[in-house]
Amino acid sequence: MEGSSSPEPQRGKARIDLRWIPLGAGGTGFVRMNGRAYEALRSRLERRRPLALYHTALEVHAPEGRFVIENAWPSPDRDTSSRGVVVEGPVFDRRIARFRVFRYEVRR
């Protein structure tokens, strides 16, 4: 995550920061390209200007440590434990979620 402007929590206190990260930041461009294509189509159908798309993450500071929880597109491999995946779900419709491209991961 980018540097935090918030101070570290005091002993016994917790804090949660919401991070907004531009879609595809730090990647190969595949996610950014597909996100822009989707948003261009969607905005045209809705007769509006295309919007910037973001990926989100929660940064949790607790007495037990710092944890980052993010919602992300699944990686191509099925080794979910190496990425800290705690749950997967459908992106659009449960019937097509059997295809990895239509699922998301929540990672810790």
C-alpha atoms as a PDB file:
ATOM      1  CA  MET A   1       0.000   0.000   0.000  1.00  0.00           C
ATOM      2  CA  GLU A   2       1.029   3.583  -0.477  1.00  0.00           C
ATOM      3  CA  GLY A   3       2.439   5.394   2.539  1.00  0.00           C
ATOM      4  CA  SER A   4      -0.134   6.255   5.165  1.00  0.00           C
ATOM      5  CA  SER A   5      -0.609   9.800   6.359  1.00  0.00           C
ATOM      6  CA  SER A   6      -2.381   8.514   9.478  1.00  0.00           C
ATOM      7  CA  PRO A   7      -0.344   7.905  12.624  1.00  0.00           C
ATOM      8  CA  GLU A   8       0.043   4.391  14.029  1.00  0.00           C
ATOM      9  CA  PRO A   9      -2.738   3.489  16.474  1.00  0.00           C
ATOM     10  CA  GLN A  10      -2.096   3.920  20.164  1.00  0.00           C
ATOM     11  CA  ARG A  11      -1.684   0.785  22.240  1.00  0.00           C
ATOM     12  CA  GLY A  12      -5.054  -0.941  22.654  1.00  0.00           C
ATOM     13  CA  LYS A  13      -6.694   1.128  19.893  1.00  0.00           C
ATOM     14  CA  ALA A  14      -7.614   0.124  16.359  1.00  0.00           C
ATOM     15  CA  ARG A  15      -8.040   1.979  13.085  1.00  0.00           C
ATOM     16  CA  ILE A  16      -9.350   1.077   9.626  1.00  0.00           C
ATOM     17  CA  ASP A  17      -8.284   2.986   6.516  1.00  0.00           C
ATOM     18  CA  LEU A  18     -10.082   2.638   3.180  1.00  0.00           C
ATOM     19  CA  ARG A  19      -7.676   2.759   0.228  1.00  0.00           C
ATOM     20  CA  TRP A  20      -8.790   3.650  -3.304  1.00  0.00           C
ATOM     21  CA  ILE A  21      -6.294   2.356  -5.877  1.00  0.00           C
ATOM     22  CA  PRO A  22      -6.634   3.087  -9.620  1.00  0.00           C
ATOM     23  CA  LEU A  23      -7.791  -0.068 -11.407  1.00  0.00           C
ATOM     24  CA  GLY A  24      -4.819  -1.969 -12.813  1.00  0.00           C
ATOM     25  CA  ALA A  25      -2.179  -0.033 -10.862  1.00  0.00           C
ATOM     26  CA  GLY A  26       1.023  -2.026 -10.638  1.00  0.00           C
ATOM     27  CA  GLY A  27      -0.199  -4.673 -13.080  1.00  0.00           C
ATOM     28  CA  THR A  28       0.470  -5.602 -16.684  1.00  0.00           C
ATOM     29  CA  GLY A  29      -2.317  -3.449 -18.078  1.00  0.00           C
ATOM     30  CA  PHE A  30      -4.738  -6.337 -18.745  1.00  0.00           C
ATOM     31  CA  VAL A  31      -7.043  -5.384 -15.860  1.00  0.00           C
ATOM     32  CA  ARG A  32      -6.891  -1.679 -16.703  1.00  0.00           C
ATOM     33  CA  MET A  33      -7.611  -2.312 -20.406  1.00  0.00           C
ATOM     34  CA  ASN A  34     -10.586  -4.585 -19.701  1.00  0.00           C
ATOM     35  CA  GLY A  35     -11.919  -2.242 -17.023  1.00  0.00           C
ATOM     36  CA  ARG A  36     -11.786   0.691 -19.420  1.00  0.00           C
ATOM     37  CA  ALA A  37     -13.483  -1.352 -22.164  1.00  0.00           C
ATOM     38  CA  TYR A  38     -16.247  -2.403 -19.766  1.00  0.00           C
ATOM     39  CA  GLU A  39     -16.742   1.156 -18.475  1.00  0.00           C
ATOM     40  CA  ALA A  40     -16.785   2.565 -22.037  1.00  0.00           C
ATOM     41  CA  LEU A  41     -19.523   0.129 -23.022  1.00  0.00           C
ATOM     42  CA  ARG A  42     -21.493   0.586 -19.810  1.00  0.00           C
ATOM     43  CA  SER A  43     -21.306   4.394 -19.922  1.00  0.00           C
ATOM     44  CA  ARG A  44     -22.411   4.424 -23.543  1.00  0.00           C
ATOM     45  CA  LEU A  45     -25.416   2.209 -22.709  1.00  0.00           C
ATOM     46  CA  GLU A  46     -26.264   4.517 -19.790  1.00  0.00           C
ATOM     47  CA  ARG A  47     -25.638   7.660 -21.882  1.00  0.00           C
ATOM     48  CA  ARG A  48     -23.083   9.171 -19.530  1.00  0.00           C
ATOM     49  CA  ARG A  49     -19.382   9.997 -19.486  1.00  0.00           C
ATOM     50  CA  PRO A  50     -17.001   7.135 -18.610  1.00  0.00           C
ATOM     51  CA  LEU A  51     -15.857   7.176 -14.984  1.00  0.00           C
ATOM     52  CA  ALA A  52     -12.508   6.329 -13.446  1.00  0.00           C
ATOM     53  CA  LEU A  53     -12.499   2.820 -11.963  1.00  0.00           C
ATOM     54  CA  TYR A  54     -10.836   1.932  -8.675  1.00  0.00           C
ATOM     55  CA  HIS A  55      -9.846  -1.118  -6.709  1.00  0.00           C
ATOM     56  CA  THR A  56     -10.406  -0.918  -2.949  1.00  0.00           C
ATOM     57  CA  ALA A  57      -8.636  -2.276   0.086  1.00  0.00           C
ATOM     58  CA  LEU A  58      -9.110  -1.950   3.824  1.00  0.00           C
ATOM     59  CA  GLU A  59      -5.992  -1.466   5.903  1.00  0.00           C
ATOM     60  CA  VAL A  60      -6.704  -2.553   9.467  1.00  0.00           C
ATOM     61  CA  HIS A  61      -4.375  -1.470  12.282  1.00  0.00           C
ATOM     62  CA  ALA A  62      -5.067  -3.405  15.474  1.00  0.00           C
ATOM     63  CA  PRO A  63      -3.096  -4.239  18.596  1.00  0.00           C
ATOM     64  CA  GLU A  64      -2.429  -7.658  17.000  1.00  0.00           C
ATOM     65  CA  GLY A  65      -0.834  -6.105  13.909  1.00  0.00           C
ATOM     66  CA  ARG A  66      -1.543  -4.578  10.510  1.00  0.00           C
ATOM     67  CA  PHE A  67      -3.807  -6.408   8.054  1.00  0.00           C
ATOM     68  CA  VAL A  68      -4.819  -5.559   4.487  1.00  0.00           C
ATOM     69  CA  ILE A  69      -8.130  -6.882   3.162  1.00  0.00           C
ATOM     70  CA  GLU A  70      -8.783  -6.464  -0.545  1.00  0.00           C
ATOM     71  CA  ASN A  71     -11.411  -7.424  -3.062  1.00  0.00           C
ATOM     72  CA  ALA A  72      -9.709  -8.467  -6.299  1.00  0.00           C
ATOM     73  CA  TRP A  73     -10.070 -10.313  -9.557  1.00  0.00           C
ATOM     74  CA  PRO A  74      -8.835 -13.887  -9.192  1.00  0.00           C
ATOM     75  CA  SER A  75      -5.342 -14.787 -10.321  1.00  0.00           C
ATOM     76  CA  PRO A  76      -5.073 -17.395 -13.042  1.00  0.00           C
ATOM     77  CA  ASP A  77      -3.704 -20.085 -10.736  1.00  0.00           C
ATOM     78  CA  ARG A  78      -5.808 -22.021  -8.246  1.00  0.00           C
ATOM     79  CA  ASP A  79      -3.329 -21.668  -5.362  1.00  0.00           C
ATOM     80  CA  THR A  80      -5.610 -19.425  -3.328  1.00  0.00           C
ATOM     81  CA  SER A  81      -3.850 -20.028  -0.002  1.00  0.00           C
ATOM     82  CA  SER A  82      -0.614 -18.406  -1.242  1.00  0.00           C
ATOM     83  CA  ARG A  83      -2.553 -15.167  -1.916  1.00  0.00           C
ATOM     84  CA  GLY A  84      -4.449 -15.205   1.391  1.00  0.00           C
ATOM     85  CA  VAL A  85      -7.867 -15.778  -0.201  1.00  0.00           C
ATOM     86  CA  VAL A  86     -10.587 -16.130   2.439  1.00  0.00           C
ATOM     87  CA  VAL A  87     -13.639 -16.230   0.138  1.00  0.00           C
ATOM     88  CA  GLU A  88     -14.531 -16.198  -3.561  1.00  0.00           C
ATOM     89  CA  GLY A  89     -17.783 -15.036  -5.127  1.00  0.00           C
ATOM     90  CA  PRO A  90     -19.502 -14.324  -8.456  1.00  0.00           C
ATOM     91  CA  VAL A  91     -18.834 -11.024 -10.217  1.00  0.00           C
ATOM     92  CA  PHE A  92     -22.022 -10.835 -12.247  1.00  0.00           C
ATOM     93  CA  ASP A  93     -24.158 -13.957 -11.980  1.00  0.00           C
ATOM     94  CA  ARG A  94     -23.793 -17.137  -9.933  1.00  0.00           C
ATOM     95  CA  ARG A  95     -24.464 -19.294 -13.003  1.00  0.00           C
ATOM     96  CA  ILE A  96     -21.307 -18.087 -14.756  1.00  0.00           C
ATOM     97  CA  ALA A  97     -19.123 -18.002 -11.628  1.00  0.00           C
ATOM     98  CA  ARG A  98     -17.753 -21.456 -12.502  1.00  0.00           C
ATOM     99  CA  PHE A  99     -15.492 -19.571 -14.929  1.00  0.00           C
ATOM    100  CA  ARG A 100     -12.635 -17.903 -13.003  1.00  0.00           C
ATOM    101  CA  VAL A 101     -12.916 -14.712 -15.055  1.00  0.00           C
ATOM    102  CA  PHE A 102     -16.374 -14.119 -13.524  1.00  0.00           C
ATOM    103  CA  ARG A 103     -15.301 -14.478  -9.874  1.00  0.00           C
ATOM    104  CA  TYR A 104     -13.634 -12.216  -7.352  1.00  0.00           C
ATOM    105  CA  GLU A 105     -11.477 -12.980  -4.328  1.00  0.00           C
ATOM    106  CA  VAL A 106     -11.415 -11.389  -0.907  1.00  0.00           C
ATOM    107  CA  ARG A 107      -7.831 -11.601   0.326  1.00  0.00           C
ATOM    108  CA  ARG A 108      -6.265 -11.054   3.718  1.00  0.00           C
END
